Every structure is written in C-alpha cells, then in structure tokens.
C-alpha cells in the first residue's frame, strides 16, 4: 500500500517542472523535503489540509511553498490539499458556512421560525429586503470564519493523527521484530 501511494506522489523533477512551482527553484530540490520522516510527513499533511480548507484556488503551490519554508514533506503537503476537491467542495463550504454562522450567532437563511408581524410591517420589510448581491456578500463573514476554524482544527488533527499512526506502526513493527507479546 505504501508503494502504491509513493507512485502517486509527485517526484522532485515533476514538481520543479510545474509552472506553478518553478519559482521555488533550487529550494524545492533539497533532499530533506522529499525524505519521509514522522515529523516532516505530519507537518506536510497538516499544511496541505490547512491550505486545502482555507483557500479555494492555488492550494498546491501555496502549500508547497510553505512546506519548503517550514522544511516539511512536500509531496504530502501537495497531496493533502485534495481534501477539498470538486466532489467535497460544496458540502465542506456549506458546513463551514453553517459553523461560521453558528459561531457568529447569525440567523441562518431558510429558518422556518418567522415572527408574527402586521401586514403594513410586512410590506415595509419586503421593501427593505436585501438585494441578491447583499445576500451573496453576507455569506462571506460566516464562511471565512468557518473555513478558518476547519483549517486550524483539521490541520491540527491531521498533524496529531499522522504522528500517532506513524509512531504506532513503528512500535508495532518493533514488537514483532523483537518477538514481544503481540509478535508471538
């Protein structure tokens, strides 16, 4: 399984020849950025998830540049940005908008609870109703807050999760090799 994953990840040459990553130049060829260690892979995956949630476009170049700056595993940073893709994009952004609205205590459009008003108040309210552009731009603040919460939260979870899984695999291999309780 690990070998199949390695075949799917980009090589240093493929990343350096990419037009969006070419500007990183020789820094992208540093061997430490392509060696899989527990800390580097966990940090790279967390960086990729963070930028995968936070920005909708140019996720891969930004995560690769930050991975280079922080000496993280570049392939895992690039691959983990795919947490948001054309299939997951709508539900993730909708959930982030809902979470942001909840955190800001803003009413969510489409609520069925409508206060009782008189007929003349209803006419005045519909005249003051927001236009379509105001409704679209009103989504921005809750969405941005929700995406920031998702990016930070899931980035931290991925960092801790990858580190824990890596450590667990190393310890289980060591127990098997030494003939410990689970290796007999």
C-alpha atoms as a PDB file:
ATOM      1  CA  UNK A   1       0.000   0.000   0.000  1.00  0.00           C
ATOM      2  CA  UNK A   2       2.810   2.423   0.837  1.00  0.00           C
ATOM      3  CA  UNK A   3       4.464   1.706  -2.519  1.00  0.00           C
ATOM      4  CA  UNK A   4       1.222   2.479  -4.370  1.00  0.00           C
ATOM      5  CA  UNK A   5       0.989   5.764  -2.509  1.00  0.00           C
ATOM      6  CA  UNK A   6       4.594   6.631  -3.359  1.00  0.00           C
ATOM      7  CA  UNK A   7       3.881   6.048  -7.058  1.00  0.00           C
ATOM      8  CA  UNK A   8       1.025   8.562  -6.908  1.00  0.00           C
ATOM      9  CA  UNK A   9       3.046  11.292  -5.189  1.00  0.00           C
ATOM     10  CA  UNK A  10       4.969  13.779  -7.327  1.00  0.00           C
ATOM     11  CA  UNK A  11       8.713  13.461  -7.808  1.00  0.00           C
ATOM     12  CA  UNK A  12      11.102  16.385  -7.253  1.00  0.00           C
ATOM     13  CA  UNK A  13      11.595  16.667 -11.013  1.00  0.00           C
ATOM     14  CA  UNK A  14       7.852  16.752 -11.710  1.00  0.00           C
ATOM     15  CA  UNK A  15       7.309  19.405  -9.050  1.00  0.00           C
ATOM     16  CA  UNK A  16      10.221  21.522 -10.273  1.00  0.00           C
ATOM     17  CA  UNK A  17       8.973  21.399 -13.865  1.00  0.00           C
ATOM     18  CA  UNK A  18       5.468  22.501 -12.862  1.00  0.00           C
ATOM     19  CA  UNK A  19       4.852  26.082 -13.978  1.00  0.00           C
ATOM     20  CA  UNK A  20       3.232  26.991 -10.659  1.00  0.00           C
ATOM     21  CA  UNK A  21       6.164  25.682  -8.602  1.00  0.00           C
ATOM     22  CA  UNK A  22       9.082  26.622 -10.858  1.00  0.00           C
ATOM     23  CA  UNK A  23       9.613  29.880  -8.961  1.00  0.00           C
ATOM     24  CA  UNK A  24      10.745  27.920  -5.880  1.00  0.00           C
ATOM     25  CA  UNK A  25      13.831  26.941  -7.880  1.00  0.00           C
ATOM     26  CA  UNK A  26      16.663  25.055  -6.173  1.00  0.00           C
ATOM     27  CA  UNK A  27      14.988  25.207  -2.759  1.00  0.00           C
ATOM     28  CA  UNK A  28      12.480  22.638  -3.997  1.00  0.00           C
ATOM     29  CA  UNK A  29      15.283  20.140  -4.736  1.00  0.00           C
ATOM     30  CA  UNK A  30      16.568  19.904  -1.169  1.00  0.00           C
ATOM     31  CA  UNK A  31      16.602  16.169  -0.279  1.00  0.00           C
ATOM     32  CA  UNK A  32      15.243  16.778   3.215  1.00  0.00           C
ATOM     33  CA  UNK A  33      11.957  17.999   1.701  1.00  0.00           C
ATOM     34  CA  UNK A  34      11.380  14.667  -0.059  1.00  0.00           C
ATOM     35  CA  UNK A  35      12.504  12.277   2.710  1.00  0.00           C
ATOM     36  CA  UNK A  36       9.647  10.747   4.666  1.00  0.00           C
ATOM     37  CA  UNK A  37      10.108  11.226   8.397  1.00  0.00           C
ATOM     38  CA  UNK A  38       7.373  11.287  11.014  1.00  0.00           C
ATOM     39  CA  UNK A  39       7.656  14.985  11.749  1.00  0.00           C
ATOM     40  CA  UNK A  40       8.051  16.059   8.108  1.00  0.00           C
ATOM     41  CA  UNK A  41       5.129  13.995   6.785  1.00  0.00           C
ATOM     42  CA  UNK A  42       2.843  15.049   9.650  1.00  0.00           C
ATOM     43  CA  UNK A  43       3.716  18.708   9.148  1.00  0.00           C
ATOM     44  CA  UNK A  44       3.355  18.443   5.367  1.00  0.00           C
ATOM     45  CA  UNK A  45      -0.062  16.804   5.637  1.00  0.00           C
ATOM     46  CA  UNK A  46      -1.207  19.424   8.154  1.00  0.00           C
ATOM     47  CA  UNK A  47      -0.017  22.246   5.889  1.00  0.00           C
ATOM     48  CA  UNK A  48      -1.838  20.733   2.921  1.00  0.00           C
ATOM     49  CA  UNK A  49      -5.082  20.255   4.849  1.00  0.00           C
ATOM     50  CA  UNK A  50      -4.821  23.773   6.262  1.00  0.00           C
ATOM     51  CA  UNK A  51      -4.495  25.393   2.838  1.00  0.00           C
ATOM     52  CA  UNK A  52      -6.903  22.893   1.279  1.00  0.00           C
ATOM     53  CA  UNK A  53      -9.635  24.218   3.552  1.00  0.00           C
ATOM     54  CA  UNK A  54      -8.560  27.854   3.745  1.00  0.00           C
ATOM     55  CA  UNK A  55      -8.098  28.913   0.124  1.00  0.00           C
ATOM     56  CA  UNK A  56     -10.148  27.732  -2.842  1.00  0.00           C
ATOM     57  CA  UNK A  57      -7.552  28.263  -5.589  1.00  0.00           C
ATOM     58  CA  UNK A  58      -3.773  27.806  -5.870  1.00  0.00           C
ATOM     59  CA  UNK A  59      -3.755  25.461  -2.867  1.00  0.00           C
ATOM     60  CA  UNK A  60      -0.964  23.231  -4.151  1.00  0.00           C
ATOM     61  CA  UNK A  61       1.594  25.970  -4.947  1.00  0.00           C
ATOM     62  CA  UNK A  62       0.927  27.763  -1.657  1.00  0.00           C
ATOM     63  CA  UNK A  63       1.185  24.571   0.396  1.00  0.00           C
ATOM     64  CA  UNK A  64       4.378  23.571  -1.439  1.00  0.00           C
ATOM     65  CA  UNK A  65       5.936  26.983  -0.778  1.00  0.00           C
ATOM     66  CA  UNK A  66       5.030  26.851   2.919  1.00  0.00           C
ATOM     67  CA  UNK A  67       6.304  23.252   3.125  1.00  0.00           C
ATOM     68  CA  UNK A  68       9.630  24.400   1.669  1.00  0.00           C
ATOM     69  CA  UNK A  69       9.793  27.284   4.156  1.00  0.00           C
ATOM     70  CA  UNK A  70       8.978  25.031   7.126  1.00  0.00           C
ATOM     71  CA  UNK A  71      11.081  22.064   5.889  1.00  0.00           C
ATOM     72  CA  UNK A  72       8.052  19.774   5.702  1.00  0.00           C
ATOM     73  CA  UNK A  73       7.455  16.818   3.358  1.00  0.00           C
ATOM     74  CA  UNK A  74       6.480  18.500   0.079  1.00  0.00           C
ATOM     75  CA  UNK A  75       4.627  15.546  -1.534  1.00  0.00           C
ATOM     76  CA  UNK A  76       2.343  15.083   1.475  1.00  0.00           C
ATOM     77  CA  UNK A  77       1.652  18.836   1.578  1.00  0.00           C
ATOM     78  CA  UNK A  78       0.732  18.818  -2.095  1.00  0.00           C
ATOM     79  CA  UNK A  79      -1.387  15.671  -1.915  1.00  0.00           C
ATOM     80  CA  UNK A  80      -3.319  16.571   1.226  1.00  0.00           C
ATOM     81  CA  UNK A  81      -4.682  19.758  -0.332  1.00  0.00           C
ATOM     82  CA  UNK A  82      -7.059  17.459  -2.175  1.00  0.00           C
ATOM     83  CA  UNK A  83      -9.176  17.241   0.972  1.00  0.00           C
ATOM     84  CA  UNK A  84     -11.293  19.776  -0.895  1.00  0.00           C
ATOM     85  CA  UNK A  85     -11.919  18.728  -4.457  1.00  0.00           C
ATOM     86  CA  UNK A  86     -14.851  19.224  -6.842  1.00  0.00           C
ATOM     87  CA  UNK A  87     -16.806  16.483  -5.056  1.00  0.00           C
ATOM     88  CA  UNK A  88     -16.181  17.579  -1.451  1.00  0.00           C
ATOM     89  CA  UNK A  89     -16.130  21.332  -2.117  1.00  0.00           C
ATOM     90  CA  UNK A  90     -19.904  22.050  -1.825  1.00  0.00           C
ATOM     91  CA  UNK A  91     -20.564  20.102   1.404  1.00  0.00           C
ATOM     92  CA  UNK A  92     -17.384  21.393   3.056  1.00  0.00           C
ATOM     93  CA  UNK A  93     -18.124  25.020   2.233  1.00  0.00           C
ATOM     94  CA  UNK A  94     -21.775  24.649   3.271  1.00  0.00           C
ATOM     95  CA  UNK A  95     -20.737  23.089   6.598  1.00  0.00           C
ATOM     96  CA  UNK A  96     -18.135  25.833   7.128  1.00  0.00           C
ATOM     97  CA  UNK A  97     -20.776  28.483   6.428  1.00  0.00           C
ATOM     98  CA  UNK A  98     -23.131  26.833   8.934  1.00  0.00           C
ATOM     99  CA  UNK A  99     -20.406  26.610  11.601  1.00  0.00           C
ATOM    100  CA  UNK A 100     -19.340  30.223  10.996  1.00  0.00           C
ATOM    101  CA  UNK A 101     -22.940  31.403  11.251  1.00  0.00           C
ATOM    102  CA  UNK A 102     -23.394  29.460  14.461  1.00  0.00           C
ATOM    103  CA  UNK A 103     -20.190  30.906  15.954  1.00  0.00           C
ATOM    104  CA  UNK A 104     -21.212  34.437  14.978  1.00  0.00           C
ATOM    105  CA  UNK A 105     -24.767  33.810  16.265  1.00  0.00           C
ATOM    106  CA  UNK A 106     -26.172  34.982  12.955  1.00  0.00           C
ATOM    107  CA  UNK A 107     -29.512  33.635  11.769  1.00  0.00           C
ATOM    108  CA  UNK A 108     -29.214  31.073   9.020  1.00  0.00           C
ATOM    109  CA  UNK A 109     -31.356  31.868   5.957  1.00  0.00           C
ATOM    110  CA  UNK A 110     -34.131  29.377   5.469  1.00  0.00           C
ATOM    111  CA  UNK A 111     -35.103  29.091   9.136  1.00  0.00           C
ATOM    112  CA  UNK A 112     -38.776  28.253   9.475  1.00  0.00           C
ATOM    113  CA  UNK A 113     -39.286  30.381  12.583  1.00  0.00           C
ATOM    114  CA  UNK A 114     -40.968  33.558  11.300  1.00  0.00           C
ATOM    115  CA  UNK A 115     -42.093  36.143  13.819  1.00  0.00           C
ATOM    116  CA  UNK A 116     -45.686  37.322  13.628  1.00  0.00           C
ATOM    117  CA  UNK A 117     -45.941  40.785  12.038  1.00  0.00           C
ATOM    118  CA  UNK A 118     -48.745  43.006  10.822  1.00  0.00           C
ATOM    119  CA  UNK A 119     -49.474  43.462   7.114  1.00  0.00           C
ATOM    120  CA  UNK A 120     -48.054  47.008   6.963  1.00  0.00           C
ATOM    121  CA  UNK A 121     -44.835  45.856   8.661  1.00  0.00           C
ATOM    122  CA  UNK A 122     -44.521  43.010   6.134  1.00  0.00           C
ATOM    123  CA  UNK A 123     -44.728  45.451   3.225  1.00  0.00           C
ATOM    124  CA  UNK A 124     -42.071  47.695   4.776  1.00  0.00           C
ATOM    125  CA  UNK A 125     -39.815  44.717   5.483  1.00  0.00           C
ATOM    126  CA  UNK A 126     -40.060  43.444   1.898  1.00  0.00           C
ATOM    127  CA  UNK A 127     -39.192  46.912   0.592  1.00  0.00           C
ATOM    128  CA  UNK A 128     -36.091  46.909   2.760  1.00  0.00           C
ATOM    129  CA  UNK A 129     -35.218  43.329   1.811  1.00  0.00           C
ATOM    130  CA  UNK A 130     -31.614  42.821   0.823  1.00  0.00           C
ATOM    131  CA  UNK A 131     -30.749  42.534  -2.840  1.00  0.00           C
ATOM    132  CA  UNK A 132     -29.135  39.446  -4.316  1.00  0.00           C
ATOM    133  CA  UNK A 133     -25.610  40.924  -4.126  1.00  0.00           C
ATOM    134  CA  UNK A 134     -26.022  41.775  -0.444  1.00  0.00           C
ATOM    135  CA  UNK A 135     -27.180  38.230   0.261  1.00  0.00           C
ATOM    136  CA  UNK A 136     -24.162  36.756  -1.529  1.00  0.00           C
ATOM    137  CA  UNK A 137     -21.663  39.034   0.202  1.00  0.00           C
ATOM    138  CA  UNK A 138     -23.401  38.389   3.542  1.00  0.00           C
ATOM    139  CA  UNK A 139     -22.229  34.792   3.301  1.00  0.00           C
ATOM    140  CA  UNK A 140     -18.584  35.901   3.409  1.00  0.00           C
ATOM    141  CA  UNK A 141     -18.036  36.509   7.112  1.00  0.00           C
ATOM    142  CA  UNK A 142     -19.558  33.240   8.385  1.00  0.00           C
ATOM    143  CA  UNK A 143     -17.911  31.278   5.574  1.00  0.00           C
ATOM    144  CA  UNK A 144     -14.472  32.764   6.236  1.00  0.00           C
ATOM    145  CA  UNK A 145     -14.758  32.105   9.963  1.00  0.00           C
ATOM    146  CA  UNK A 146     -15.976  28.544   9.372  1.00  0.00           C
ATOM    147  CA  UNK A 147     -13.175  27.806   6.898  1.00  0.00           C
ATOM    148  CA  UNK A 148     -10.601  29.210   9.332  1.00  0.00           C
ATOM    149  CA  UNK A 149     -11.968  27.012  12.117  1.00  0.00           C
ATOM    150  CA  UNK A 150     -11.945  23.970   9.805  1.00  0.00           C
ATOM    151  CA  UNK A 151      -8.416  24.733   8.544  1.00  0.00           C
ATOM    152  CA  UNK A 152      -6.941  25.146  12.025  1.00  0.00           C
ATOM    153  CA  UNK A 153      -8.892  22.316  13.625  1.00  0.00           C
ATOM    154  CA  UNK A 154      -8.461  19.703  10.935  1.00  0.00           C
ATOM    155  CA  UNK A 155      -4.849  20.755  10.324  1.00  0.00           C
ATOM    156  CA  UNK A 156      -4.050  20.126  13.994  1.00  0.00           C
ATOM    157  CA  UNK A 157      -5.963  16.823  13.974  1.00  0.00           C
ATOM    158  CA  UNK A 158      -4.109  15.643  10.880  1.00  0.00           C
ATOM    159  CA  UNK A 159      -0.747  16.583  12.389  1.00  0.00           C
ATOM    160  CA  UNK A 160      -1.510  14.681  15.593  1.00  0.00           C
ATOM    161  CA  UNK A 161      -3.152  11.775  13.757  1.00  0.00           C
ATOM    162  CA  UNK A 162      -0.319  11.225  11.283  1.00  0.00           C
ATOM    163  CA  UNK A 163       2.243  11.429  14.074  1.00  0.00           C
ATOM    164  CA  UNK A 164       0.290   8.958  16.207  1.00  0.00           C
ATOM    165  CA  UNK A 165      -0.264   6.482  13.348  1.00  0.00           C
ATOM    166  CA  UNK A 166       3.413   6.687  12.347  1.00  0.00           C
ATOM    167  CA  UNK A 167       4.527   6.047  15.915  1.00  0.00           C
ATOM    168  CA  UNK A 168       2.060   3.175  16.323  1.00  0.00           C
ATOM    169  CA  UNK A 169       3.325   1.490  13.138  1.00  0.00           C
ATOM    170  CA  UNK A 170       6.955   1.822  14.214  1.00  0.00           C
ATOM    171  CA  UNK A 171       6.245   0.406  17.670  1.00  0.00           C
ATOM    172  CA  UNK A 172       4.181  -2.497  16.324  1.00  0.00           C
ATOM    173  CA  UNK A 173       6.940  -3.407  13.853  1.00  0.00           C
ATOM    174  CA  UNK A 174       9.498  -3.254  16.635  1.00  0.00           C
ATOM    175  CA  UNK A 175       7.390  -5.530  18.857  1.00  0.00           C
ATOM    176  CA  UNK A 176       7.008  -8.034  16.040  1.00  0.00           C
ATOM    177  CA  UNK A 177      10.697  -7.980  15.255  1.00  0.00           C
ATOM    178  CA  UNK A 178      11.710  -8.427  18.883  1.00  0.00           C
ATOM    179  CA  UNK A 179       9.085 -11.108  19.493  1.00  0.00           C
ATOM    180  CA  UNK A 180       7.093  -9.123  22.030  1.00  0.00           C
ATOM    181  CA  UNK A 181       3.631 -10.027  23.362  1.00  0.00           C
ATOM    182  CA  UNK A 182       1.851  -9.193  20.100  1.00  0.00           C
ATOM    183  CA  UNK A 183       4.546 -10.820  17.949  1.00  0.00           C
ATOM    184  CA  UNK A 184       4.229 -14.364  19.345  1.00  0.00           C
END
